């Protein structure tokens, strides 16, 4: 895996979580700008998914197993879009809390992906 990409994705996810958390603190729902931030973080996770699959296809191996690595890659890819979709259905501060939680979940998954790959 690319350590810089993993770090960038994790940091972007935490920044998104802080931004959405701040909106929740101010009793605001997710706004269009938050969704643009979710798209940026999702694009980073998509790039990571593609890089991970390409590395596996080239014969590189995850230290703790390929199946668990692919499962975490897919989970990381889906975390923020799922939270964004759920925040659309709840147009109160709880939608912002849901989006913030999605960012935190993605950051934790990034740490775990780093460990699984052998970092």
Protein backbone atom coordinates (compact mmCIF):
# COMPACT_ATOMS: atom_id res chain seq x y z
CA UNK A 1 0.00 0.00 0.00
CA UNK A 2 1.02 3.57 -0.42
CA UNK A 3 1.63 4.96 3.04
CA UNK A 4 1.15 8.55 1.90
CA UNK A 5 -2.25 7.73 0.39
CA UNK A 6 -3.34 5.93 3.54
CA UNK A 7 -2.25 8.89 5.67
CA UNK A 8 -3.92 11.42 3.37
CA UNK A 9 -7.18 9.48 3.37
CA UNK A 10 -7.16 9.12 7.16
CA UNK A 11 -6.38 12.79 7.75
CA UNK A 12 -9.02 13.90 5.24
CA UNK A 13 -11.55 11.64 6.96
CA UNK A 14 -10.73 13.15 10.35
CA UNK A 15 -11.00 16.68 8.95
CA UNK A 16 -14.41 15.79 7.50
CA UNK A 17 -15.45 14.36 10.87
CA UNK A 18 -14.37 17.54 12.65
CA UNK A 19 -16.17 19.73 10.12
CA UNK A 20 -19.41 17.77 10.36
CA UNK A 21 -19.02 17.56 14.12
CA UNK A 22 -18.74 21.34 14.27
CA UNK A 23 -21.97 21.63 12.27
CA UNK A 24 -23.67 19.25 14.70
CA UNK A 25 -22.38 21.30 17.64
CA UNK A 26 -23.99 24.37 16.06
CA UNK A 27 -27.25 22.39 15.61
CA UNK A 28 -27.03 22.38 11.80
CA UNK A 29 -27.74 19.59 9.30
CA UNK A 30 -25.25 18.59 6.64
CA UNK A 31 -25.09 21.15 3.87
CA UNK A 32 -23.94 20.96 0.25
CA UNK A 33 -20.38 21.87 1.25
CA UNK A 34 -20.27 18.89 3.57
CA UNK A 35 -21.31 16.61 0.74
CA UNK A 36 -18.57 18.03 -1.47
CA UNK A 37 -16.13 17.17 1.32
CA UNK A 38 -17.58 13.66 1.46
CA UNK A 39 -17.03 13.31 -2.29
CA UNK A 40 -13.37 14.33 -1.92
CA UNK A 41 -12.82 11.81 0.88
CA UNK A 42 -14.66 9.14 -1.11
CA UNK A 43 -12.44 9.82 -4.12
CA UNK A 44 -9.37 9.26 -1.94
CA UNK A 45 -10.86 5.98 -0.71
CA UNK A 46 -11.62 5.00 -4.32
CA UNK A 47 -8.02 5.64 -5.36
CA UNK A 48 -6.88 3.55 -2.41
CA UNK A 49 -9.24 0.73 -3.42
CA UNK A 50 -7.86 0.73 -6.96
CA UNK A 51 -4.23 0.88 -5.78
CA UNK A 52 -4.84 -1.98 -3.35
CA UNK A 53 -6.44 -4.18 -5.97
CA UNK A 54 -3.68 -3.41 -8.49
CA UNK A 55 -1.00 -4.30 -5.96
CA UNK A 56 -2.73 -7.57 -5.18
CA UNK A 57 -3.05 -8.31 -8.90
CA UNK A 58 0.69 -7.69 -9.32
CA UNK A 59 1.38 -10.43 -6.81
CA UNK A 60 2.04 -8.44 -3.66
CA UNK A 61 0.55 -9.90 -0.50
CA UNK A 62 -1.02 -8.40 2.58
CA UNK A 63 0.77 -9.59 5.68
CA UNK A 64 -2.40 -10.64 7.51
CA UNK A 65 -4.25 -12.13 4.55
CA UNK A 66 -5.73 -11.08 1.26
CA UNK A 67 -9.38 -11.73 2.12
CA UNK A 68 -9.36 -9.52 5.22
CA UNK A 69 -7.43 -6.84 3.35
CA UNK A 70 -9.99 -6.73 0.52
CA UNK A 71 -12.84 -6.70 3.05
CA UNK A 72 -11.33 -3.68 4.82
CA UNK A 73 -10.69 -1.95 1.48
CA UNK A 74 -14.35 -2.36 0.53
CA UNK A 75 -15.47 -1.20 3.98
CA UNK A 76 -13.26 1.88 3.75
CA UNK A 77 -14.64 2.60 0.30
CA UNK A 78 -18.26 2.38 1.53
CA UNK A 79 -18.00 4.08 4.95
CA UNK A 80 -18.38 7.74 3.97
CA UNK A 81 -20.95 7.26 1.15
CA UNK A 82 -23.13 5.19 3.50
CA UNK A 83 -22.90 7.86 6.19
CA UNK A 84 -23.62 10.56 3.62
CA UNK A 85 -26.70 8.75 2.38
CA UNK A 86 -27.97 8.30 5.94
CA UNK A 87 -27.34 11.99 6.68
CA UNK A 88 -29.52 12.87 3.70
CA UNK A 89 -32.44 11.04 5.26
CA UNK A 90 -31.98 12.86 8.59
CA UNK A 91 -31.92 16.58 7.87
CA UNK A 92 -31.23 17.63 11.45
CA UNK A 93 -28.07 17.87 13.51
CA UNK A 94 -28.17 14.08 13.74
CA UNK A 95 -27.37 13.93 10.05
CA UNK A 96 -24.20 15.89 10.76
CA UNK A 97 -23.37 13.54 13.61
CA UNK A 98 -23.85 10.57 11.27
CA UNK A 99 -21.51 12.09 8.68
CA UNK A 100 -18.94 12.82 11.38
CA UNK A 101 -19.16 9.24 12.58
CA UNK A 102 -18.56 8.03 9.02
CA UNK A 103 -15.35 10.08 8.90
CA UNK A 104 -14.14 8.61 12.20
CA UNK A 105 -14.96 5.08 11.02
CA UNK A 106 -12.97 5.64 7.84
CA UNK A 107 -9.97 6.95 9.79
CA UNK A 108 -10.01 3.85 12.01
CA UNK A 109 -10.30 1.60 8.95
CA UNK A 110 -7.26 3.33 7.45
CA UNK A 111 -5.19 2.50 10.53
CA UNK A 112 -6.34 -1.08 10.34
CA UNK A 113 -5.57 -1.31 6.61
CA UNK A 114 -2.05 -0.10 7.34
CA UNK A 115 -1.66 -2.82 9.98
CA UNK A 116 -3.10 -5.56 7.76
CA UNK A 117 -0.81 -4.68 4.87
CA UNK A 118 2.21 -4.98 7.15
CA UNK A 119 2.95 -1.43 8.20
